[in-house]
Amino acid sequence: MTSSAGTSLLRRTVETYWAAADARDWAAVEAALAEDVVYDLPQTRERIAGRAAFLRFNQEYPGDWRLRIVRIVAEGDQVVTWTHFTVGLEEMYGIAFFTGDAAGRITSQTDFWPESYEPPAGREHLVERY
């Protein structure tokens, strides 16, 4: 899927997927996923294979989490999202890389969860903190 129509299809699927996940609409999440979807979390070295396991993983995730898309970039069979998550009072950002099939279903998702940290001293004159 490399056409602009394919890009638009996968982008819409990913947008629908995130909205459905935030709403806990598991039927809509399931519809966005290929049967053999693979979910990778490199920081914890975990992989979840298959739609049923992926759905269960998300359904059982602890806490009352919410999310919103900050930015989305799509090209061909690739979509990247920058998302803002809250879990209770904790806020975090994540980067997710998606690939899709010809039908626009998600075939893989790889998430990166950077943790906040204080920058090293000595560069205050170069940066603006926000």
C-alpha atoms as a PDB file:
ATOM      1  CA  MET A   1       0.000   0.000   0.000  1.00  0.00           C
ATOM      2  CA  THR A   2       2.029   2.930  -1.251  1.00  0.00           C
ATOM      3  CA  SER A   3      -0.545   5.164  -2.925  1.00  0.00           C
ATOM      4  CA  SER A   4      -1.866   8.348  -1.372  1.00  0.00           C
ATOM      5  CA  ALA A   5      -5.243   6.601  -1.113  1.00  0.00           C
ATOM      6  CA  GLY A   6      -3.555   3.818   0.866  1.00  0.00           C
ATOM      7  CA  THR A   7      -1.825   6.370   3.077  1.00  0.00           C
ATOM      8  CA  SER A   8      -5.133   8.097   3.756  1.00  0.00           C
ATOM      9  CA  LEU A   9      -6.808   4.772   4.536  1.00  0.00           C
ATOM     10  CA  LEU A  10      -4.190   3.710   7.097  1.00  0.00           C
ATOM     11  CA  ARG A  11      -4.087   7.199   8.588  1.00  0.00           C
ATOM     12  CA  ARG A  12      -7.878   7.121   9.083  1.00  0.00           C
ATOM     13  CA  THR A  13      -7.593   3.644  10.583  1.00  0.00           C
ATOM     14  CA  VAL A  14      -4.969   4.813  13.090  1.00  0.00           C
ATOM     15  CA  GLU A  15      -7.022   7.893  13.987  1.00  0.00           C
ATOM     16  CA  THR A  16     -10.093   5.667  14.503  1.00  0.00           C
ATOM     17  CA  TYR A  17      -8.008   3.168  16.472  1.00  0.00           C
ATOM     18  CA  TRP A  18      -6.730   5.808  18.930  1.00  0.00           C
ATOM     19  CA  ALA A  19     -10.208   7.341  19.357  1.00  0.00           C
ATOM     20  CA  ALA A  20     -11.687   3.882  19.953  1.00  0.00           C
ATOM     21  CA  ALA A  21      -8.951   2.980  22.449  1.00  0.00           C
ATOM     22  CA  ASP A  22      -9.568   6.204  24.374  1.00  0.00           C
ATOM     23  CA  ALA A  23     -13.321   5.464  24.403  1.00  0.00           C
ATOM     24  CA  ARG A  24     -12.716   1.801  25.352  1.00  0.00           C
ATOM     25  CA  ASP A  25     -14.658   0.797  22.240  1.00  0.00           C
ATOM     26  CA  TRP A  26     -12.989  -2.600  21.936  1.00  0.00           C
ATOM     27  CA  ALA A  27     -15.090  -3.676  18.937  1.00  0.00           C
ATOM     28  CA  ALA A  28     -13.812  -0.663  16.965  1.00  0.00           C
ATOM     29  CA  VAL A  29     -10.229  -1.324  18.104  1.00  0.00           C
ATOM     30  CA  GLU A  30     -10.576  -4.934  16.987  1.00  0.00           C
ATOM     31  CA  ALA A  31     -11.896  -3.845  13.573  1.00  0.00           C
ATOM     32  CA  ALA A  32      -8.789  -1.687  13.048  1.00  0.00           C
ATOM     33  CA  LEU A  33      -6.393  -4.594  13.623  1.00  0.00           C
ATOM     34  CA  ALA A  34      -5.235  -7.354  11.297  1.00  0.00           C
ATOM     35  CA  GLU A  35      -5.702 -10.838  12.755  1.00  0.00           C
ATOM     36  CA  ASP A  36      -1.921 -11.345  12.926  1.00  0.00           C
ATOM     37  CA  VAL A  37      -1.052  -7.874  14.322  1.00  0.00           C
ATOM     38  CA  VAL A  38       2.242  -7.655  16.218  1.00  0.00           C
ATOM     39  CA  TYR A  39       2.738  -5.161  19.050  1.00  0.00           C
ATOM     40  CA  ASP A  40       6.317  -4.412  20.152  1.00  0.00           C
ATOM     41  CA  LEU A  41       7.526  -2.533  23.232  1.00  0.00           C
ATOM     42  CA  PRO A  42      11.317  -2.271  22.790  1.00  0.00           C
ATOM     43  CA  GLN A  43      11.944  -0.620  26.164  1.00  0.00           C
ATOM     44  CA  THR A  44      10.519  -3.593  28.055  1.00  0.00           C
ATOM     45  CA  ARG A  45      11.504  -6.129  25.384  1.00  0.00           C
ATOM     46  CA  GLU A  46       7.886  -7.364  25.127  1.00  0.00           C
ATOM     47  CA  ARG A  47       6.035  -8.548  22.028  1.00  0.00           C
ATOM     48  CA  ILE A  48       2.359  -9.390  21.753  1.00  0.00           C
ATOM     49  CA  ALA A  49       1.306 -11.404  18.718  1.00  0.00           C
ATOM     50  CA  GLY A  50      -2.248 -11.685  17.459  1.00  0.00           C
ATOM     51  CA  ARG A  51      -5.375  -9.577  17.693  1.00  0.00           C
ATOM     52  CA  ALA A  52      -6.962 -11.448  20.630  1.00  0.00           C
ATOM     53  CA  ALA A  53      -3.865 -11.117  22.844  1.00  0.00           C
ATOM     54  CA  PHE A  54      -3.406  -7.472  21.853  1.00  0.00           C
ATOM     55  CA  LEU A  55      -7.010  -6.628  22.736  1.00  0.00           C
ATOM     56  CA  ARG A  56      -6.759  -8.403  26.079  1.00  0.00           C
ATOM     57  CA  PHE A  57      -3.498  -6.606  26.882  1.00  0.00           C
ATOM     58  CA  ASN A  58      -5.192  -3.241  26.373  1.00  0.00           C
ATOM     59  CA  GLN A  59      -8.427  -4.200  28.116  1.00  0.00           C
ATOM     60  CA  GLU A  60      -6.492  -5.314  31.191  1.00  0.00           C
ATOM     61  CA  TYR A  61      -4.114  -2.336  31.302  1.00  0.00           C
ATOM     62  CA  PRO A  62      -4.400  -0.853  34.815  1.00  0.00           C
ATOM     63  CA  GLY A  63      -5.572   2.628  35.633  1.00  0.00           C
ATOM     64  CA  ASP A  64      -7.953   5.104  34.094  1.00  0.00           C
ATOM     65  CA  TRP A  65      -5.817   6.187  31.165  1.00  0.00           C
ATOM     66  CA  ARG A  66      -6.771   8.780  28.572  1.00  0.00           C
ATOM     67  CA  LEU A  67      -5.019   9.786  25.369  1.00  0.00           C
ATOM     68  CA  ARG A  68      -4.977  12.338  22.607  1.00  0.00           C
ATOM     69  CA  ILE A  69      -3.030  12.543  19.376  1.00  0.00           C
ATOM     70  CA  VAL A  70      -0.538  15.417  19.362  1.00  0.00           C
ATOM     71  CA  ARG A  71       0.725  14.784  15.842  1.00  0.00           C
ATOM     72  CA  ILE A  72       0.313  12.209  13.118  1.00  0.00           C
ATOM     73  CA  VAL A  73       2.480  11.636  10.034  1.00  0.00           C
ATOM     74  CA  ALA A  74       1.536   9.175   7.312  1.00  0.00           C
ATOM     75  CA  GLU A  75       3.326   7.928   4.220  1.00  0.00           C
ATOM     76  CA  GLY A  76       2.614   4.757   2.292  1.00  0.00           C
ATOM     77  CA  ASP A  77       2.000   1.850   4.618  1.00  0.00           C
ATOM     78  CA  GLN A  78       3.564   3.711   7.564  1.00  0.00           C
ATOM     79  CA  VAL A  79       1.960   5.996  10.157  1.00  0.00           C
ATOM     80  CA  VAL A  80       3.697   7.602  13.131  1.00  0.00           C
ATOM     81  CA  THR A  81       1.825   9.179  16.016  1.00  0.00           C
ATOM     82  CA  TRP A  82       2.951  11.319  18.910  1.00  0.00           C
ATOM     83  CA  THR A  83       0.420  10.858  21.689  1.00  0.00           C
ATOM     84  CA  HIS A  84      -0.172  12.398  25.093  1.00  0.00           C
ATOM     85  CA  PHE A  85      -1.362   9.964  27.757  1.00  0.00           C
ATOM     86  CA  THR A  86      -2.607  10.515  31.266  1.00  0.00           C
ATOM     87  CA  VAL A  87      -2.889   7.733  33.798  1.00  0.00           C
ATOM     88  CA  GLY A  88      -4.449   9.199  36.915  1.00  0.00           C
ATOM     89  CA  LEU A  89      -2.322  12.270  37.658  1.00  0.00           C
ATOM     90  CA  GLU A  90       0.699  11.061  35.679  1.00  0.00           C
ATOM     91  CA  GLU A  91       1.268  12.481  32.193  1.00  0.00           C
ATOM     92  CA  MET A  92       3.477  10.993  29.525  1.00  0.00           C
ATOM     93  CA  TYR A  93       4.122  11.127  25.803  1.00  0.00           C
ATOM     94  CA  GLY A  94       4.534   8.187  23.510  1.00  0.00           C
ATOM     95  CA  ILE A  95       5.637   7.628  19.942  1.00  0.00           C
ATOM     96  CA  ALA A  96       3.975   4.816  18.003  1.00  0.00           C
ATOM     97  CA  PHE A  97       4.994   3.447  14.619  1.00  0.00           C
ATOM     98  CA  PHE A  98       2.298   1.618  12.643  1.00  0.00           C
ATOM     99  CA  THR A  99       2.306  -0.448   9.462  1.00  0.00           C
ATOM    100  CA  GLY A 100      -0.773  -1.594   7.625  1.00  0.00           C
ATOM    101  CA  ASP A 101      -2.072  -4.027   5.068  1.00  0.00           C
ATOM    102  CA  ALA A 102      -3.808  -3.339   1.749  1.00  0.00           C
ATOM    103  CA  ALA A 103      -7.188  -3.145   3.527  1.00  0.00           C
ATOM    104  CA  GLY A 104      -5.890  -0.417   5.844  1.00  0.00           C
ATOM    105  CA  ARG A 105      -5.797  -2.625   8.944  1.00  0.00           C
ATOM    106  CA  ILE A 106      -2.938  -2.268  11.414  1.00  0.00           C
ATOM    107  CA  THR A 107      -0.410  -5.102  11.033  1.00  0.00           C
ATOM    108  CA  SER A 108       2.178  -3.821  13.498  1.00  0.00           C
ATOM    109  CA  GLN A 109       2.580  -1.228  16.203  1.00  0.00           C
ATOM    110  CA  THR A 110       5.822  -0.353  17.961  1.00  0.00           C
ATOM    111  CA  ASP A 111       5.607   1.983  20.969  1.00  0.00           C
ATOM    112  CA  PHE A 112       8.320   4.073  22.568  1.00  0.00           C
ATOM    113  CA  TRP A 113       7.708   5.662  25.978  1.00  0.00           C
ATOM    114  CA  PRO A 114      10.359   8.224  26.830  1.00  0.00           C
ATOM    115  CA  GLU A 115      10.644   9.016  30.497  1.00  0.00           C
ATOM    116  CA  SER A 116      11.130  12.583  31.655  1.00  0.00           C
ATOM    117  CA  TYR A 117      14.422  13.510  33.289  1.00  0.00           C
ATOM    118  CA  GLU A 118      16.215  16.642  34.390  1.00  0.00           C
ATOM    119  CA  PRO A 119      18.757  17.933  31.884  1.00  0.00           C
ATOM    120  CA  PRO A 120      22.408  18.167  32.823  1.00  0.00           C
ATOM    121  CA  ALA A 121      23.699  21.469  34.196  1.00  0.00           C
ATOM    122  CA  GLY A 122      25.660  23.879  32.052  1.00  0.00           C
ATOM    123  CA  ARG A 123      23.393  24.502  29.101  1.00  0.00           C
ATOM    124  CA  GLU A 124      20.902  26.907  30.665  1.00  0.00           C
ATOM    125  CA  HIS A 125      22.205  29.709  28.447  1.00  0.00           C
ATOM    126  CA  LEU A 126      21.204  27.740  25.342  1.00  0.00           C
ATOM    127  CA  VAL A 127      17.744  26.462  26.180  1.00  0.00           C
ATOM    128  CA  GLU A 128      14.299  27.558  27.231  1.00  0.00           C
ATOM    129  CA  ARG A 129      12.559  25.224  29.693  1.00  0.00           C
ATOM    130  CA  TYR A 130       8.837  24.634  29.332  1.00  0.00           C
END
